[in-house]
């Protein structure tokens, strides 16, 4: 995985772990940064959100704060 992970929510971790690794990597590598456009999220935490799982971290290129919501199906 890119960067270190800060897991802050057990329920979110269970959902994240149920996603195949290749899809997890595609999600990590497809995050929008206001400065850089599509980037990779690093140093992220995983938390539950009412819509699914929220990854919050930094842009691999510029260090700007970025987030990615993975919606429940």
Protein backbone atom coordinates (compact mmCIF):
# COMPACT_ATOMS: atom_id res chain seq x y z
CA UNK A 1 0.00 0.00 0.00
CA UNK A 2 1.10 3.56 -0.61
CA UNK A 3 2.16 5.37 2.54
CA UNK A 4 1.48 4.52 6.13
CA UNK A 5 -2.08 3.85 7.24
CA UNK A 6 -3.85 5.19 10.31
CA UNK A 7 -6.87 3.01 10.94
CA UNK A 8 -9.23 4.90 13.19
CA UNK A 9 -12.44 2.89 12.84
CA UNK A 10 -12.78 -0.89 13.17
CA UNK A 11 -16.04 -1.07 11.19
CA UNK A 12 -14.46 0.90 8.33
CA UNK A 13 -11.44 -1.42 8.41
CA UNK A 14 -13.72 -4.45 8.07
CA UNK A 15 -15.40 -2.90 5.01
CA UNK A 16 -12.03 -1.86 3.52
CA UNK A 17 -10.61 -5.37 4.06
CA UNK A 18 -13.55 -6.88 2.16
CA UNK A 19 -12.49 -4.99 -1.00
CA UNK A 20 -10.04 -6.98 -3.17
CA UNK A 21 -6.44 -5.66 -2.94
CA UNK A 22 -6.22 -4.78 -6.62
CA UNK A 23 -9.37 -2.63 -6.32
CA UNK A 24 -8.08 -1.03 -3.09
CA UNK A 25 -4.95 0.03 -4.97
CA UNK A 26 -6.98 1.46 -7.86
CA UNK A 27 -9.02 3.52 -5.37
CA UNK A 28 -5.85 4.76 -3.59
CA UNK A 29 -4.31 5.73 -6.94
CA UNK A 30 -7.43 7.59 -8.12
CA UNK A 31 -7.92 10.53 -5.75
CA UNK A 32 -8.49 14.15 -6.80
CA UNK A 33 -6.15 16.92 -5.58
CA UNK A 34 -7.00 20.59 -6.19
CA UNK A 35 -3.36 21.29 -7.07
CA UNK A 36 -2.37 18.17 -9.02
CA UNK A 37 -5.55 16.63 -10.41
CA UNK A 38 -5.68 12.83 -10.19
CA UNK A 39 -3.12 11.57 -7.69
CA UNK A 40 -2.32 8.88 -5.12
CA UNK A 41 -3.40 9.33 -1.50
CA UNK A 42 -0.69 8.68 1.13
CA UNK A 43 -0.54 8.79 4.93
CA UNK A 44 -4.28 8.18 5.03
CA UNK A 45 -6.74 7.20 7.72
CA UNK A 46 -9.81 5.04 7.15
CA UNK A 47 -13.08 5.99 8.85
CA UNK A 48 -16.73 5.06 8.48
CA UNK A 49 -19.03 7.58 6.85
CA UNK A 50 -22.80 7.45 6.53
CA UNK A 51 -22.30 6.78 2.81
CA UNK A 52 -19.45 4.23 3.09
CA UNK A 53 -15.71 4.45 3.86
CA UNK A 54 -13.74 7.70 3.91
CA UNK A 55 -10.01 7.82 3.19
CA UNK A 56 -8.42 11.07 4.41
CA UNK A 57 -4.77 11.78 3.78
CA UNK A 58 -2.29 13.69 1.65
CA UNK A 59 -1.50 14.02 -2.04
CA UNK A 60 1.59 12.00 -2.95
CA UNK A 61 2.82 14.82 -5.23
CA UNK A 62 2.28 18.09 -3.31
CA UNK A 63 1.24 17.03 0.22
CA UNK A 64 -2.11 18.83 0.01
CA UNK A 65 -4.95 17.31 2.05
CA UNK A 66 -7.14 14.99 -0.03
CA UNK A 67 -10.00 12.56 0.63
CA UNK A 68 -11.72 9.70 -1.17
CA UNK A 69 -15.19 8.39 -0.39
CA UNK A 70 -15.87 4.76 -1.24
CA UNK A 71 -19.64 4.44 -1.25
CA UNK A 72 -21.47 1.41 0.10
CA UNK A 73 -23.16 -0.60 -2.61
